[in-house]
Amino acid sequence: MVNHKFYNSIFFCITLFVLFIIFRNSMFPISQSYLQSGIVLSALNHFFSNRIVLSQLVVRKLAHFTEYFFFGLLLTITLRTFHKMLQGVFFLELFLSLAVPMVDETIQIFYQGRTSNVIDVWIDFSGCIAGMGLCYLIHALFRLFVNHH
């Protein structure tokens, strides 16, 4: 027997944890933020063996997209575990996918050397939408597969 309350709680906690990480990353001073992205930049450029050379700007924007991709994916799964009707939570997902990046960028205003950037809000929102889209696509393909077999 599947314990739905257990799964609801697990996905809710994971989603909150990812949200905590996102907000925590925004609280680092700019020097520490650049140091972190510099480490990732070095690792990625090493991985690509300098066939593709990434810049710090590209890595930082990819980080925005990636962390919000996972947030959007987890948000969709979490809301679906609480509310089985997909359409019933879609607008809540969209609202949170835009509200959270706006809060995130606002947090940055209060930390040394950080600023708020509307472009980052759009990148974050796009990451959320991509994560949501993947979740919806998997759900649709699963339903299609199950209905045909």
Protein backbone atom coordinates (compact mmCIF):
# COMPACT_ATOMS: atom_id res chain seq x y z
CA MET A 1 0.00 0.00 0.00
CA VAL A 2 1.35 3.41 -0.96
CA ASN A 3 1.46 6.00 1.80
CA HIS A 4 0.59 9.21 -0.08
CA LYS A 5 1.06 11.43 2.97
CA PHE A 6 4.63 10.18 3.26
CA TYR A 7 5.37 11.01 -0.40
CA ASN A 8 3.64 14.38 -0.04
CA SER A 9 5.87 15.19 2.93
CA ILE A 10 9.06 14.01 1.22
CA PHE A 11 8.50 16.02 -1.96
CA PHE A 12 7.40 19.06 0.04
CA CYS A 13 10.59 18.92 2.15
CA ILE A 14 12.84 18.44 -0.90
CA THR A 15 11.19 21.37 -2.67
CA LEU A 16 11.61 23.58 0.41
CA PHE A 17 15.24 22.49 0.69
CA VAL A 18 15.92 23.49 -2.94
CA LEU A 19 14.17 26.81 -2.30
CA PHE A 20 16.36 27.30 0.79
CA ILE A 21 19.52 26.63 -1.29
CA ILE A 22 18.37 29.11 -3.95
CA PHE A 23 17.74 31.86 -1.40
CA ARG A 24 20.95 31.02 0.49
CA ASN A 25 23.00 31.38 -2.71
CA SER A 26 21.58 34.88 -3.11
CA MET A 27 22.83 35.86 0.33
CA PHE A 28 26.51 35.34 -0.43
CA PRO A 29 28.58 38.48 -1.01
CA ILE A 30 29.51 38.98 -4.65
CA SER A 31 33.14 37.93 -4.04
CA GLN A 32 32.06 34.53 -2.69
CA SER A 33 29.50 34.13 -5.47
CA TYR A 34 32.18 34.76 -8.10
CA LEU A 35 34.52 32.33 -6.36
CA GLN A 36 31.86 29.59 -6.47
CA SER A 37 31.03 30.18 -10.12
CA GLY A 38 34.77 30.37 -10.88
CA ILE A 39 35.26 26.87 -9.50
CA VAL A 40 32.40 25.57 -11.66
CA LEU A 41 33.76 27.50 -14.68
CA SER A 42 37.20 25.93 -14.25
CA ALA A 43 35.71 22.43 -13.91
CA LEU A 44 33.49 22.85 -16.98
CA ASN A 45 36.29 24.26 -19.13
CA HIS A 46 38.51 21.36 -18.02
CA PHE A 47 35.70 18.91 -18.83
CA PHE A 48 35.33 20.36 -22.33
CA SER A 49 39.14 20.26 -22.74
CA ASN A 50 39.04 23.85 -24.00
CA ARG A 51 37.14 22.76 -27.15
CA ILE A 52 34.35 24.93 -25.78
CA VAL A 53 35.44 27.80 -23.58
CA LEU A 54 32.76 29.16 -21.30
CA SER A 55 32.79 32.55 -19.62
CA GLN A 56 31.86 33.30 -16.02
CA LEU A 57 28.76 35.13 -17.26
CA VAL A 58 27.56 32.04 -19.15
CA VAL A 59 28.20 29.78 -16.15
CA ARG A 60 26.35 32.14 -13.82
CA LYS A 61 23.32 32.33 -16.13
CA LEU A 62 23.35 28.53 -16.62
CA ALA A 63 23.40 28.17 -12.83
CA HIS A 64 20.30 30.38 -12.59
CA PHE A 65 18.49 28.31 -15.21
CA THR A 66 19.58 24.97 -13.73
CA GLU A 67 18.64 25.63 -10.11
CA TYR A 68 15.25 26.93 -11.18
CA PHE A 69 14.76 24.02 -13.59
CA PHE A 70 14.99 21.68 -10.60
CA PHE A 71 12.80 23.97 -8.52
CA GLY A 72 10.12 24.00 -11.26
CA LEU A 73 10.30 20.23 -11.63
CA LEU A 74 10.04 19.65 -7.88
CA LEU A 75 7.34 22.28 -7.47
CA THR A 76 5.20 20.55 -10.09
CA ILE A 77 5.72 17.11 -8.54
CA THR A 78 5.01 18.47 -5.06
CA LEU A 79 1.84 20.28 -6.05
CA ARG A 80 0.69 17.22 -8.01
CA THR A 81 1.13 15.01 -4.93
CA PHE A 82 -1.11 17.37 -2.97
CA HIS A 83 -3.62 18.01 -5.73
CA LYS A 84 -4.28 15.30 -8.31
CA MET A 85 -6.17 17.50 -10.79
CA LEU A 86 -3.42 18.89 -13.00
CA GLN A 87 -5.34 21.97 -14.15
CA GLY A 88 -6.22 22.94 -10.59
CA VAL A 89 -2.64 23.87 -9.70
CA PHE A 90 -1.30 25.15 -13.01
CA PHE A 91 -1.83 28.84 -12.25
CA LEU A 92 -0.38 28.41 -8.76
CA GLU A 93 2.70 26.84 -10.35
CA LEU A 94 3.00 29.75 -12.79
CA PHE A 95 2.58 32.28 -10.00
CA LEU A 96 5.24 30.64 -7.81
CA SER A 97 7.54 30.23 -10.81
CA LEU A 98 7.58 34.00 -11.19
CA ALA A 99 7.17 35.09 -7.56
CA VAL A 100 10.10 33.05 -6.22
CA PRO A 101 12.65 34.50 -8.70
CA MET A 102 11.37 38.00 -7.91
CA VAL A 103 11.89 37.40 -4.17
CA ASP A 104 15.29 35.85 -4.90
CA GLU A 105 16.46 38.88 -6.86
CA THR A 106 15.08 41.19 -4.17
CA ILE A 107 17.09 39.34 -1.50
CA GLN A 108 20.27 40.07 -3.44
CA ILE A 109 19.80 43.82 -3.03
CA PHE A 110 20.59 43.53 0.66
CA TYR A 111 23.97 41.76 0.33
CA GLN A 112 27.39 43.24 -0.31
CA GLY A 113 28.11 43.90 -3.96
CA ARG A 114 24.93 42.18 -5.13
CA THR A 115 22.27 43.75 -7.31
CA SER A 116 18.91 42.77 -8.67
CA ASN A 117 18.66 41.90 -12.35
CA VAL A 118 15.39 41.55 -14.26
CA ILE A 119 17.13 39.38 -16.88
CA ASP A 120 17.90 36.87 -14.13
CA VAL A 121 14.21 36.81 -13.20
CA TRP A 122 13.39 35.85 -16.80
CA ILE A 123 16.13 33.20 -16.86
CA ASP A 124 14.88 31.78 -13.55
CA PHE A 125 11.28 31.81 -14.74
CA SER A 126 12.34 30.05 -17.96
CA GLY A 127 14.11 27.39 -15.90
CA CYS A 128 10.95 26.85 -13.85
CA ILE A 129 8.82 26.58 -16.97
CA ALA A 130 11.26 24.07 -18.50
CA GLY A 131 11.14 21.95 -15.32
CA MET A 132 7.35 22.16 -15.23
CA GLY A 133 7.21 21.32 -18.93
CA LEU A 134 9.35 18.23 -18.48
CA CYS A 135 7.11 17.05 -15.67
CA TYR A 136 3.97 17.61 -17.75
CA LEU A 137 5.58 15.90 -20.76
CA ILE A 138 6.53 12.82 -18.75
CA HIS A 139 3.03 12.73 -17.27
CA ALA A 140 1.44 12.97 -20.74
CA LEU A 141 3.71 10.28 -22.21
CA PHE A 142 3.02 8.01 -19.26
CA ARG A 143 -0.74 8.43 -19.69
CA LEU A 144 -0.41 7.83 -23.43
CA PHE A 145 1.63 4.69 -22.87
CA VAL A 146 -0.67 3.35 -20.14
CA ASN A 147 -3.83 4.01 -22.21
CA HIS A 148 -2.41 2.18 -25.24
CA HIS A 149 -1.38 -0.95 -23.34
